[in-house]
Amino acid sequence: MTDTCLIVTTCGSEETALTIAASLVDQGFAACVNILPSIKSYYFFKGETQLDEEVMLMIKTTSEMFPKVSEIITDLHTYEIPEILMFPVSQGSEPFLDWIRGSVRQRASA
């Protein structure tokens, strides 16, 4: 197991996704955010099934940053209940994992 993680969230618009991504990377709480446009989500909410087009964010950071990342997503999100899921990285390319750690530490402490 490593100290890095992947956090996933979905947004209702590219504008919201870009706002969240910029906030996380610019403040140093994430090394990178991939923005995957135009996914379809079929889900159950408030007694009904829904089909919506969404934008997915894949946030690369450290486990230590999860509380702050979650707070920023919640603050900037337009959804009543935003999806915020953290997946610990058990293995990965060590140079890439080092880059994540270094990018997050360097920016978050600046």
PDB file of N, CA and C in Angstrom:
ATOM      1  N   MET A   1       0.854  -1.188   0.000  1.00  0.00           N
ATOM      2  CA  MET A   1       0.000   0.000   0.000  1.00  0.00           C
ATOM      3  C   MET A   1       0.894   1.243   0.000  1.00  0.00           C
ATOM      4  N   THR A   2       0.467   2.265  -0.732  1.00  0.00           N
ATOM      5  CA  THR A   2       1.214   3.528  -0.764  1.00  0.00           C
ATOM      6  C   THR A   2       0.389   4.598  -0.048  1.00  0.00           C
ATOM      7  N   ASP A   3       0.951   5.789   0.070  1.00  0.00           N
ATOM      8  CA  ASP A   3       0.227   6.913   0.681  1.00  0.00           C
ATOM      9  C   ASP A   3      -0.517   7.738  -0.359  1.00  0.00           C
ATOM     10  N   THR A   4      -0.521   7.276  -1.605  1.00  0.00           N
ATOM     11  CA  THR A   4      -1.214   8.009  -2.656  1.00  0.00           C
ATOM     12  C   THR A   4      -2.615   7.425  -2.852  1.00  0.00           C
ATOM     13  N   CYS A   5      -3.471   8.231  -3.469  1.00  0.00           N
ATOM     14  CA  CYS A   5      -4.836   7.772  -3.705  1.00  0.00           C
ATOM     15  C   CYS A   5      -5.412   8.452  -4.932  1.00  0.00           C
ATOM     16  N   LEU A   6      -6.506   7.887  -5.391  1.00  0.00           N
ATOM     17  CA  LEU A   6      -7.282   8.442  -6.489  1.00  0.00           C
ATOM     18  C   LEU A   6      -8.652   8.783  -5.914  1.00  0.00           C
ATOM     19  N   ILE A   7      -9.068  10.010  -6.073  1.00  0.00           N
ATOM     20  CA  ILE A   7     -10.386  10.446  -5.605  1.00  0.00           C
ATOM     21  C   ILE A   7     -11.234  10.719  -6.833  1.00  0.00           C
ATOM     22  N   VAL A   8     -12.453  10.212  -6.812  1.00  0.00           N
ATOM     23  CA  VAL A   8     -13.359  10.353  -7.950  1.00  0.00           C
ATOM     24  C   VAL A   8     -14.577  11.161  -7.519  1.00  0.00           C
ATOM     25  N   THR A   9     -14.979  12.079  -8.387  1.00  0.00           N
ATOM     26  CA  THR A   9     -16.232  12.793  -8.209  1.00  0.00           C
ATOM     27  C   THR A   9     -16.827  13.050  -9.589  1.00  0.00           C
ATOM     28  N   THR A  10     -18.117  13.314  -9.639  1.00  0.00           N
ATOM     29  CA  THR A  10     -18.767  13.683 -10.886  1.00  0.00           C
ATOM     30  C   THR A  10     -19.445  15.031 -10.694  1.00  0.00           C
ATOM     31  N   CYS A  11     -19.535  15.775 -11.791  1.00  0.00           N
ATOM     32  CA  CYS A  11     -20.142  17.113 -11.773  1.00  0.00           C
ATOM     33  C   CYS A  11     -21.183  17.207 -12.878  1.00  0.00           C
ATOM     34  N   GLY A  12     -22.094  18.131 -12.715  1.00  0.00           N
ATOM     35  CA  GLY A  12     -23.144  18.324 -13.700  1.00  0.00           C
ATOM     36  C   GLY A  12     -22.740  19.177 -14.883  1.00  0.00           C
ATOM     37  N   SER A  13     -21.575  19.841 -14.786  1.00  0.00           N
ATOM     38  CA  SER A  13     -21.130  20.688 -15.890  1.00  0.00           C
ATOM     39  C   SER A  13     -19.609  20.735 -15.946  1.00  0.00           C
ATOM     40  N   GLU A  14     -19.089  21.030 -17.119  1.00  0.00           N
ATOM     41  CA  GLU A  14     -17.646  21.176 -17.284  1.00  0.00           C
ATOM     42  C   GLU A  14     -17.152  22.397 -16.506  1.00  0.00           C
ATOM     43  N   GLU A  15     -17.964  23.418 -16.413  1.00  0.00           N
ATOM     44  CA  GLU A  15     -17.584  24.623 -15.666  1.00  0.00           C
ATOM     45  C   GLU A  15     -17.314  24.287 -14.192  1.00  0.00           C
ATOM     46  N   THR A  16     -18.206  23.540 -13.570  1.00  0.00           N
ATOM     47  CA  THR A  16     -17.998  23.132 -12.175  1.00  0.00           C
ATOM     48  C   THR A  16     -16.763  22.249 -12.056  1.00  0.00           C
ATOM     49  N   ALA A  17     -16.599  21.318 -12.992  1.00  0.00           N
ATOM     50  CA  ALA A  17     -15.438  20.422 -12.976  1.00  0.00           C
ATOM     51  C   ALA A  17     -14.137  21.214 -13.058  1.00  0.00           C
ATOM     52  N   LEU A  18     -14.073  22.187 -13.950  1.00  0.00           N
ATOM     53  CA  LEU A  18     -12.863  23.005 -14.103  1.00  0.00           C
ATOM     54  C   LEU A  18     -12.602  23.860 -12.866  1.00  0.00           C
ATOM     55  N   THR A  19     -13.644  24.369 -12.252  1.00  0.00           N
ATOM     56  CA  THR A  19     -13.495  25.167 -11.029  1.00  0.00           C
ATOM     57  C   THR A  19     -12.900  24.318  -9.906  1.00  0.00           C
ATOM     58  N   ILE A  20     -13.416  23.114  -9.732  1.00  0.00           N
ATOM     59  CA  ILE A  20     -12.917  22.214  -8.691  1.00  0.00           C
ATOM     60  C   ILE A  20     -11.477  21.792  -9.001  1.00  0.00           C
ATOM     61  N   ALA A  21     -11.210  21.405 -10.238  1.00  0.00           N
ATOM     62  CA  ALA A  21      -9.867  20.968 -10.633  1.00  0.00           C
ATOM     63  C   ALA A  21      -8.842  22.072 -10.404  1.00  0.00           C
ATOM     64  N   ALA A  22      -9.157  23.278 -10.841  1.00  0.00           N
ATOM     65  CA  ALA A  22      -8.224  24.396 -10.680  1.00  0.00           C
ATOM     66  C   ALA A  22      -7.968  24.699  -9.214  1.00  0.00           C
ATOM     67  N   SER A  23      -9.000  24.678  -8.411  1.00  0.00           N
ATOM     68  CA  SER A  23      -8.842  24.947  -6.987  1.00  0.00           C
ATOM     69  C   SER A  23      -7.923  23.913  -6.337  1.00  0.00           C
ATOM     70  N   LEU A  24      -8.131  22.646  -6.642  1.00  0.00           N
ATOM     71  CA  LEU A  24      -7.337  21.582  -6.025  1.00  0.00           C
ATOM     72  C   LEU A  24      -5.873  21.635  -6.441  1.00  0.00           C
ATOM     73  N   VAL A  25      -5.612  21.804  -7.727  1.00  0.00           N
ATOM     74  CA  VAL A  25      -4.231  21.815  -8.215  1.00  0.00           C
ATOM     75  C   VAL A  25      -3.538  23.128  -7.862  1.00  0.00           C
ATOM     76  N   ASP A  26      -4.209  24.241  -8.060  1.00  0.00           N
ATOM     77  CA  ASP A  26      -3.588  25.549  -7.795  1.00  0.00           C
ATOM     78  C   ASP A  26      -3.241  25.746  -6.327  1.00  0.00           C
ATOM     79  N   GLN A  27      -4.023  25.144  -5.432  1.00  0.00           N
ATOM     80  CA  GLN A  27      -3.734  25.256  -4.002  1.00  0.00           C
ATOM     81  C   GLN A  27      -2.802  24.148  -3.503  1.00  0.00           C
ATOM     82  N   GLY A  28      -2.460  23.212  -4.373  1.00  0.00           N
ATOM     83  CA  GLY A  28      -1.517  22.168  -4.014  1.00  0.00           C
ATOM     84  C   GLY A  28      -2.103  20.979  -3.291  1.00  0.00           C
ATOM     85  N   PHE A  29      -3.407  20.801  -3.351  1.00  0.00           N
ATOM     86  CA  PHE A  29      -4.026  19.656  -2.685  1.00  0.00           C
ATOM     87  C   PHE A  29      -4.116  18.434  -3.597  1.00  0.00           C
ATOM     88  N   ALA A  30      -3.826  18.612  -4.884  1.00  0.00           N
ATOM     89  CA  ALA A  30      -3.781  17.512  -5.845  1.00  0.00           C
ATOM     90  C   ALA A  30      -2.658  17.776  -6.835  1.00  0.00           C
ATOM     91  N   ALA A  31      -2.026  16.704  -7.294  1.00  0.00           N
ATOM     92  CA  ALA A  31      -0.968  16.835  -8.289  1.00  0.00           C
ATOM     93  C   ALA A  31      -1.554  16.988  -9.689  1.00  0.00           C
ATOM     94  N   CYS A  32      -2.691  16.331  -9.913  1.00  0.00           N
ATOM     95  CA  CYS A  32      -3.307  16.308 -11.242  1.00  0.00           C
ATOM     96  C   CYS A  32      -4.775  15.964 -11.103  1.00  0.00           C
ATOM     97  N   VAL A  33      -5.590  16.539 -11.973  1.00  0.00           N
ATOM     98  CA  VAL A  33      -6.998  16.168 -12.056  1.00  0.00           C
ATOM     99  C   VAL A  33      -7.320  15.896 -13.521  1.00  0.00           C
ATOM    100  N   ASN A  34      -7.713  14.663 -13.814  1.00  0.00           N
ATOM    101  CA  ASN A  34      -8.186  14.331 -15.155  1.00  0.00           C
ATOM    102  C   ASN A  34      -9.665  14.657 -15.222  1.00  0.00           C
ATOM    103  N   ILE A  35     -10.069  15.297 -16.306  1.00  0.00           N
ATOM    104  CA  ILE A  35     -11.470  15.677 -16.516  1.00  0.00           C
ATOM    105  C   ILE A  35     -11.988  14.869 -17.706  1.00  0.00           C
ATOM    106  N   LEU A  36     -12.926  13.978 -17.414  1.00  0.00           N
ATOM    107  CA  LEU A  36     -13.488  13.117 -18.448  1.00  0.00           C
ATOM    108  C   LEU A  36     -14.894  13.614 -18.782  1.00  0.00           C
ATOM    109  N   PRO A  37     -15.056  14.277 -19.921  1.00  0.00           N
ATOM    110  CA  PRO A  37     -16.357  14.857 -20.256  1.00  0.00           C
ATOM    111  C   PRO A  37     -17.349  13.817 -20.754  1.00  0.00           C
ATOM    112  N   SER A  38     -18.588  14.191 -20.658  1.00  0.00           N
ATOM    113  CA  SER A  38     -19.684  13.481 -21.305  1.00  0.00           C
ATOM    114  C   SER A  38     -19.787  11.997 -20.947  1.00  0.00           C
ATOM    115  N   ILE A  39     -19.917  11.725 -19.652  1.00  0.00           N
ATOM    116  CA  ILE A  39     -20.256  10.368 -19.238  1.00  0.00           C
ATOM    117  C   ILE A  39     -21.745  10.348 -18.925  1.00  0.00           C
ATOM    118  N   LYS A  40     -22.347   9.217 -19.009  1.00  0.00           N
ATOM    119  CA  LYS A  40     -23.760   9.090 -18.659  1.00  0.00           C
ATOM    120  C   LYS A  40     -23.866   8.364 -17.335  1.00  0.00           C
ATOM    121  N   SER A  41     -24.704   8.868 -16.454  1.00  0.00           N
ATOM    122  CA  SER A  41     -24.937   8.246 -15.159  1.00  0.00           C
ATOM    123  C   SER A  41     -26.414   7.923 -15.026  1.00  0.00           C
ATOM    124  N   TYR A  42     -26.692   6.688 -14.699  1.00  0.00           N
ATOM    125  CA  TYR A  42     -28.050   6.217 -14.458  1.00  0.00           C
ATOM    126  C   TYR A  42     -28.110   5.853 -12.985  1.00  0.00           C
ATOM    127  N   TYR A  43     -28.973   6.518 -12.232  1.00  0.00           N
ATOM    128  CA  TYR A  43     -28.953   6.361 -10.781  1.00  0.00           C
ATOM    129  C   TYR A  43     -30.339   6.578 -10.181  1.00  0.00           C
ATOM    130  N   PHE A  44     -30.464   6.193  -8.912  1.00  0.00           N
ATOM    131  CA  PHE A  44     -31.696   6.345  -8.152  1.00  0.00           C
ATOM    132  C   PHE A  44     -31.507   7.476  -7.155  1.00  0.00           C
ATOM    133  N   PHE A  45     -32.415   8.471  -7.155  1.00  0.00           N
ATOM    134  CA  PHE A  45     -32.315   9.608  -6.238  1.00  0.00           C
ATOM    135  C   PHE A  45     -33.704  10.167  -5.978  1.00  0.00           C
ATOM    136  N   LYS A  46     -34.008  10.360  -4.700  1.00  0.00           N
ATOM    137  CA  LYS A  46     -35.293  10.926  -4.274  1.00  0.00           C
ATOM    138  C   LYS A  46     -36.492  10.186  -4.877  1.00  0.00           C
ATOM    139  N   GLY A  47     -36.425   8.856  -4.811  1.00  0.00           N
ATOM    140  CA  GLY A  47     -37.558   8.039  -5.224  1.00  0.00           C
ATOM    141  C   GLY A  47     -37.703   7.813  -6.708  1.00  0.00           C
ATOM    142  N   GLU A  48     -36.758   8.284  -7.507  1.00  0.00           N
ATOM    143  CA  GLU A  48     -36.865   8.131  -8.961  1.00  0.00           C
ATOM    144  C   GLU A  48     -35.534   7.740  -9.567  1.00  0.00           C
ATOM    145  N   THR A  49     -35.613   7.045 -10.706  1.00  0.00           N
ATOM    146  CA  THR A  49     -34.390   6.799 -11.461  1.00  0.00           C
ATOM    147  C   THR A  49     -34.132   7.992 -12.368  1.00  0.00           C
ATOM    148  N   GLN A  50     -32.871   8.285 -12.556  1.00  0.00           N
ATOM    149  CA  GLN A  50     -32.439   9.443 -13.336  1.00  0.00           C
ATOM    150  C   GLN A  50     -31.405   9.003 -14.367  1.00  0.00           C
ATOM    151  N   LEU A  51     -31.339   9.690 -15.475  1.00  0.00           N
ATOM    152  CA  LEU A  51     -30.283   9.525 -16.473  1.00  0.00           C
ATOM    153  C   LEU A  51     -29.774  10.916 -16.791  1.00  0.00           C
ATOM    154  N   ASP A  52     -28.500  11.165 -16.463  1.00  0.00           N
ATOM    155  CA  ASP A  52     -27.912  12.483 -16.689  1.00  0.00           C
ATOM    156  C   ASP A  52     -26.548  12.360 -17.341  1.00  0.00           C
ATOM    157  N   GLU A  53     -26.174  13.414 -18.052  1.00  0.00           N
ATOM    158  CA  GLU A  53     -24.824  13.531 -18.575  1.00  0.00           C
ATOM    159  C   GLU A  53     -23.999  14.259 -17.534  1.00  0.00           C
ATOM    160  N   GLU A  54     -22.828  13.721 -17.229  1.00  0.00           N
ATOM    161  CA  GLU A  54     -21.966  14.309 -16.208  1.00  0.00           C
ATOM    162  C   GLU A  54     -20.527  14.394 -16.707  1.00  0.00           C
ATOM    163  N   VAL A  55     -19.709  15.038 -15.899  1.00  0.00           N
ATOM    164  CA  VAL A  55     -18.278  15.146 -16.136  1.00  0.00           C
ATOM    165  C   VAL A  55     -17.600  14.488 -14.936  1.00  0.00           C
ATOM    166  N   MET A  56     -16.681  13.566 -15.191  1.00  0.00           N
ATOM    167  CA  MET A  56     -16.000  12.867 -14.093  1.00  0.00           C
ATOM    168  C   MET A  56     -14.622  13.475 -13.857  1.00  0.00           C
ATOM    169  N   LEU A  57     -14.275  13.617 -12.583  1.00  0.00           N
ATOM    170  CA  LEU A  57     -12.939  14.054 -12.196  1.00  0.00           C
ATOM    171  C   LEU A  57     -12.214  12.891 -11.547  1.00  0.00           C
ATOM    172  N   MET A  58     -10.972  12.669 -11.959  1.00  0.00           N
ATOM    173  CA  MET A  58     -10.090  11.688 -11.335  1.00  0.00           C
ATOM    174  C   MET A  58      -8.925  12.481 -10.730  1.00  0.00           C
ATOM    175  N   ILE A  59      -8.905  12.530  -9.413  1.00  0.00           N
ATOM    176  CA  ILE A  59      -8.001  13.406  -8.677  1.00  0.00           C
ATOM    177  C   ILE A  59      -6.866  12.579  -8.095  1.00  0.00           C
ATOM    178  N   LYS A  60      -5.624  12.924  -8.465  1.00  0.00           N
ATOM    179  CA  LYS A  60      -4.448  12.208  -7.969  1.00  0.00           C
ATOM    180  C   LYS A  60      -3.821  13.020  -6.842  1.00  0.00           C
ATOM    181  N   THR A  61      -3.743  12.402  -5.662  1.00  0.00           N
ATOM    182  CA  THR A  61      -3.244  13.106  -4.482  1.00  0.00           C
ATOM    183  C   THR A  61      -2.729  12.098  -3.459  1.00  0.00           C
ATOM    184  N   THR A  62      -2.519  12.547  -2.236  1.00  0.00           N
ATOM    185  CA  THR A  62      -2.119  11.652  -1.150  1.00  0.00           C
ATOM    186  C   THR A  62      -3.299  11.452  -0.204  1.00  0.00           C
ATOM    187  N   SER A  63      -3.274  10.342   0.511  1.00  0.00           N
ATOM    188  CA  SER A  63      -4.350  10.038   1.465  1.00  0.00           C
ATOM    189  C   SER A  63      -4.486  11.135   2.515  1.00  0.00           C
ATOM    190  N   GLU A  64      -3.381  11.726   2.891  1.00  0.00           N
ATOM    191  CA  GLU A  64      -3.368  12.803   3.884  1.00  0.00           C
ATOM    192  C   GLU A  64      -4.214  14.000   3.440  1.00  0.00           C
ATOM    193  N   MET A  65      -4.319  14.210   2.149  1.00  0.00           N
ATOM    194  CA  MET A  65      -5.059  15.361   1.614  1.00  0.00           C
ATOM    195  C   MET A  65      -6.558  15.095   1.467  1.00  0.00           C
ATOM    196  N   PHE A  66      -7.007  13.856   1.686  1.00  0.00           N
ATOM    197  CA  PHE A  66      -8.424  13.538   1.461  1.00  0.00           C
ATOM    198  C   PHE A  66      -9.380  14.491   2.183  1.00  0.00           C
ATOM    199  N   PRO A  67      -9.196  14.795   3.469  1.00  0.00           N
ATOM    200  CA  PRO A  67     -10.160  15.690   4.128  1.00  0.00           C
ATOM    201  C   PRO A  67     -10.252  17.058   3.449  1.00  0.00           C
ATOM    202  N   LYS A  68      -9.128  17.616   3.032  1.00  0.00           N
ATOM    203  CA  LYS A  68      -9.142  18.938   2.399  1.00  0.00           C
ATOM    204  C   LYS A  68      -9.756  18.858   0.995  1.00  0.00           C
ATOM    205  N   VAL A  69      -9.404  17.818   0.251  1.00  0.00           N
ATOM    206  CA  VAL A  69      -9.983  17.634  -1.085  1.00  0.00           C
ATOM    207  C   VAL A  69     -11.499  17.479  -0.983  1.00  0.00           C
ATOM    208  N   SER A  70     -11.944  16.667  -0.041  1.00  0.00           N
ATOM    209  CA  SER A  70     -13.373  16.464   0.166  1.00  0.00           C
ATOM    210  C   SER A  70     -14.075  17.775   0.529  1.00  0.00           C
ATOM    211  N   GLU A  71     -13.451  18.563   1.372  1.00  0.00           N
ATOM    212  CA  GLU A  71     -14.024  19.861   1.773  1.00  0.00           C
ATOM    213  C   GLU A  71     -14.153  20.807   0.578  1.00  0.00           C
ATOM    214  N   ILE A  72     -13.118  20.873  -0.245  1.00  0.00           N
ATOM    215  CA  ILE A  72     -13.151  21.764  -1.414  1.00  0.00           C
ATOM    216  C   ILE A  72     -14.219  21.300  -2.412  1.00  0.00           C
ATOM    217  N   ILE A  73     -14.290  19.997  -2.661  1.00  0.00           N
ATOM    218  CA  ILE A  73     -15.323  19.490  -3.568  1.00  0.00           C
ATOM    219  C   ILE A  73     -16.705  19.865  -3.040  1.00  0.00           C
ATOM    220  N   THR A  74     -16.943  19.623  -1.771  1.00  0.00           N
ATOM    221  CA  THR A  74     -18.244  19.923  -1.172  1.00  0.00           C
ATOM    222  C   THR A  74     -18.572  21.410  -1.256  1.00  0.00           C
ATOM    223  N   ASP A  75     -17.596  22.258  -0.988  1.00  0.00           N
ATOM    224  CA  ASP A  75     -17.816  23.709  -1.019  1.00  0.00           C
ATOM    225  C   ASP A  75     -18.122  24.241  -2.415  1.00  0.00           C
ATOM    226  N   LEU A  76     -17.480  23.666  -3.437  1.00  0.00           N
ATOM    227  CA  LEU A  76     -17.619  24.202  -4.799  1.00  0.00           C
ATOM    228  C   LEU A  76     -18.653  23.467  -5.655  1.00  0.00           C
ATOM    229  N   HIS A  77     -19.144  22.355  -5.165  1.00  0.00           N
ATOM    230  CA  HIS A  77     -20.037  21.509  -5.945  1.00  0.00           C
ATOM    231  C   HIS A  77     -21.454  22.064  -5.961  1.00  0.00           C
ATOM    232  N   THR A  78     -22.172  21.742  -7.034  1.00  0.00           N
ATOM    233  CA  THR A  78     -23.563  22.189  -7.166  1.00  0.00           C
ATOM    234  C   THR A  78     -24.561  21.124  -6.725  1.00  0.00           C
ATOM    235  N   TYR A  79     -24.097  19.892  -6.495  1.00  0.00           N
ATOM    236  CA  TYR A  79     -24.997  18.810  -6.112  1.00  0.00           C
ATOM    237  C   TYR A  79     -25.304  18.853  -4.620  1.00  0.00           C
ATOM    238  N   GLU A  80     -26.506  18.431  -4.289  1.00  0.00           N
ATOM    239  CA  GLU A  80     -26.921  18.308  -2.889  1.00  0.00           C
ATOM    240  C   GLU A  80     -26.059  17.267  -2.161  1.00  0.00           C
ATOM    241  N   ILE A  81     -25.780  16.152  -2.841  1.00  0.00           N
ATOM    242  CA  ILE A  81     -24.941  15.090  -2.280  1.00  0.00           C
ATOM    243  C   ILE A  81     -23.875  14.731  -3.325  1.00  0.00           C
ATOM    244  N   PRO A  82     -22.735  15.423  -3.313  1.00  0.00           N
ATOM    245  CA  PRO A  82     -21.717  15.100  -4.319  1.00  0.00           C
ATOM    246  C   PRO A  82     -21.071  13.741  -4.063  1.00  0.00           C
ATOM    247  N   GLU A  83     -20.772  13.064  -5.138  1.00  0.00           N
ATOM    248  CA  GLU A  83     -20.029  11.806  -5.068  1.00  0.00           C
ATOM    249  C   GLU A  83     -18.583  12.145  -4.727  1.00  0.00           C
ATOM    250  N   ILE A  84     -18.064  11.571  -3.655  1.00  0.00           N
ATOM    251  CA  ILE A  84     -16.657  11.735  -3.290  1.00  0.00           C
ATOM    252  C   ILE A  84     -16.176  10.369  -2.808  1.00  0.00           C
ATOM    253  N   LEU A  85     -15.424   9.688  -3.649  1.00  0.00           N
ATOM    254  CA  LEU A  85     -14.937   8.354  -3.336  1.00  0.00           C
ATOM    255  C   LEU A  85     -13.415   8.340  -3.411  1.00  0.00           C
ATOM    256  N   MET A  86     -12.758   7.783  -2.397  1.00  0.00           N
ATOM    257  CA  MET A  86     -11.311   7.670  -2.385  1.00  0.00           C
ATOM    258  C   MET A  86     -10.913   6.214  -2.573  1.00  0.00           C
ATOM    259  N   PHE A  87      -9.984   5.997  -3.500  1.00  0.00           N
ATOM    260  CA  PHE A  87      -9.446   4.669  -3.755  1.00  0.00           C
ATOM    261  C   PHE A  87      -7.955   4.691  -3.449  1.00  0.00           C
ATOM    262  N   PRO A  88      -7.528   3.994  -2.398  1.00  0.00           N
ATOM    263  CA  PRO A  88      -6.092   3.935  -2.105  1.00  0.00           C
ATOM    264  C   PRO A  88      -5.345   3.248  -3.250  1.00  0.00           C
ATOM    265  N   VAL A  89      -4.157   3.720  -3.539  1.00  0.00           N
ATOM    266  CA  VAL A  89      -3.317   3.114  -4.574  1.00  0.00           C
ATOM    267  C   VAL A  89      -2.433   2.075  -3.890  1.00  0.00           C
ATOM    268  N   SER A  90      -2.617   0.818  -4.235  1.00  0.00           N
ATOM    269  CA  SER A  90      -1.824  -0.229  -3.592  1.00  0.00           C
ATOM    270  C   SER A  90      -0.452  -0.371  -4.250  1.00  0.00           C
ATOM    271  N   GLN A  91      -0.374  -0.131  -5.549  1.00  0.00           N
ATOM    272  CA  GLN A  91       0.889  -0.189  -6.272  1.00  0.00           C
ATOM    273  C   GLN A  91       0.830   0.753  -7.452  1.00  0.00           C
ATOM    274  N   GLY A  92       2.009   1.169  -7.918  1.00  0.00           N
ATOM    275  CA  GLY A  92       2.072   2.017  -9.093  1.00  0.00           C
ATOM    276  C   GLY A  92       3.517   2.271  -9.470  1.00  0.00           C
ATOM    277  N   SER A  93       3.708   2.936 -10.565  1.00  0.00           N
ATOM    278  CA  SER A  93       5.043   3.326 -10.998  1.00  0.00           C
ATOM    279  C   SER A  93       5.643   4.242  -9.929  1.00  0.00           C
ATOM    280  N   GLU A  94       6.764   3.833  -9.348  1.00  0.00           N
ATOM    281  CA  GLU A  94       7.351   4.611  -8.251  1.00  0.00           C
ATOM    282  C   GLU A  94       7.707   6.040  -8.669  1.00  0.00           C
ATOM    283  N   PRO A  95       8.261   6.262  -9.874  1.00  0.00           N
ATOM    284  CA  PRO A  95       8.516   7.655 -10.273  1.00  0.00           C
ATOM    285  C   PRO A  95       7.227   8.496 -10.328  1.00  0.00           C
ATOM    286  N   PHE A  96       6.131   7.885 -10.797  1.00  0.00           N
ATOM    287  CA  PHE A  96       4.859   8.610 -10.863  1.00  0.00           C
ATOM    288  C   PHE A  96       4.317   8.895  -9.464  1.00  0.00           C
ATOM    289  N   LEU A  97       4.380   7.901  -8.578  1.00  0.00           N
ATOM    290  CA  LEU A  97       3.917   8.103  -7.200  1.00  0.00           C
ATOM    291  C   LEU A  97       4.762   9.159  -6.493  1.00  0.00           C
ATOM    292  N   ASP A  98       6.067   9.156  -6.740  1.00  0.00           N
ATOM    293  CA  ASP A  98       6.950  10.186  -6.164  1.00  0.00           C
ATOM    294  C   ASP A  98       6.576  11.574  -6.678  1.00  0.00           C
ATOM    295  N   TRP A  99       6.211  11.649  -7.964  1.00  0.00           N
ATOM    296  CA  TRP A  99       5.797  12.938  -8.538  1.00  0.00           C
ATOM    297  C   TRP A  99       4.528  13.438  -7.848  1.00  0.00           C
ATOM    298  N   ILE A 100       3.569  12.549  -7.613  1.00  0.00           N
ATOM    299  CA  ILE A 100       2.338  12.949  -6.907  1.00  0.00           C
ATOM    300  C   ILE A 100       2.700  13.492  -5.529  1.00  0.00           C
ATOM    301  N   ARG A 101       3.480  12.719  -4.774  1.00  0.00           N
ATOM    302  CA  ARG A 101       3.864  13.141  -3.411  1.00  0.00           C
ATOM    303  C   ARG A 101       4.577  14.487  -3.433  1.00  0.00           C
ATOM    304  N   GLY A 102       5.550  14.612  -4.313  1.00  0.00           N
ATOM    305  CA  GLY A 102       6.332  15.845  -4.382  1.00  0.00           C
ATOM    306  C   GLY A 102       5.500  17.043  -4.800  1.00  0.00           C
ATOM    307  N   SER A 103       4.616  16.844  -5.756  1.00  0.00           N
ATOM    308  CA  SER A 103       3.769  17.944  -6.235  1.00  0.00           C
ATOM    309  C   SER A 103       2.820  18.422  -5.150  1.00  0.00           C
ATOM    310  N   VAL A 104       2.233  17.475  -4.414  1.00  0.00           N
ATOM    311  CA  VAL A 104       1.279  17.831  -3.360  1.00  0.00           C
ATOM    312  C   VAL A 104       1.998  18.502  -2.207  1.00  0.00           C
ATOM    313  N   ARG A 105       3.089  17.918  -1.735  1.00  0.00           N
ATOM    314  CA  ARG A 105       3.834  18.501  -0.607  1.00  0.00           C
ATOM    315  C   ARG A 105       4.366  19.880  -0.933  1.00  0.00           C
ATOM    316  N   GLN A 106       4.973  19.991  -2.105  1.00  0.00           N
ATOM    317  CA  GLN A 106       5.593  21.251  -2.507  1.00  0.00           C
ATOM    318  C   GLN A 106       4.563  22.372  -2.603  1.00  0.00           C
ATOM    319  N   ARG A 107       3.439  22.100  -3.228  1.00  0.00           N
ATOM    320  CA  ARG A 107       2.422  23.143  -3.437  1.00  0.00           C
ATOM    321  C   ARG A 107       1.623  23.431  -2.170  1.00  0.00           C
ATOM    322  N   ALA A 108       1.295  22.391  -1.395  1.00  0.00           N
ATOM    323  CA  ALA A 108       0.465  22.581  -0.207  1.00  0.00           C
ATOM    324  C   ALA A 108       1.223  23.313   0.887  1.00  0.00           C
ATOM    325  N   SER A 109       2.551  23.201   0.893  1.00  0.00           N
ATOM    326  CA  SER A 109       3.330  23.873   1.933  1.00  0.00           C
ATOM    327  C   SER A 109       3.781  25.261   1.511  1.00  0.00           C
ATOM    328  N   ALA A 110       3.545  25.619   0.253  1.00  0.00           N
ATOM    329  CA  ALA A 110       3.995  26.936  -0.258  1.00  0.00           C
ATOM    330  C   ALA A 110       3.139  28.071   0.277  1.00  0.00           C
TER     331      ALA A 110
END
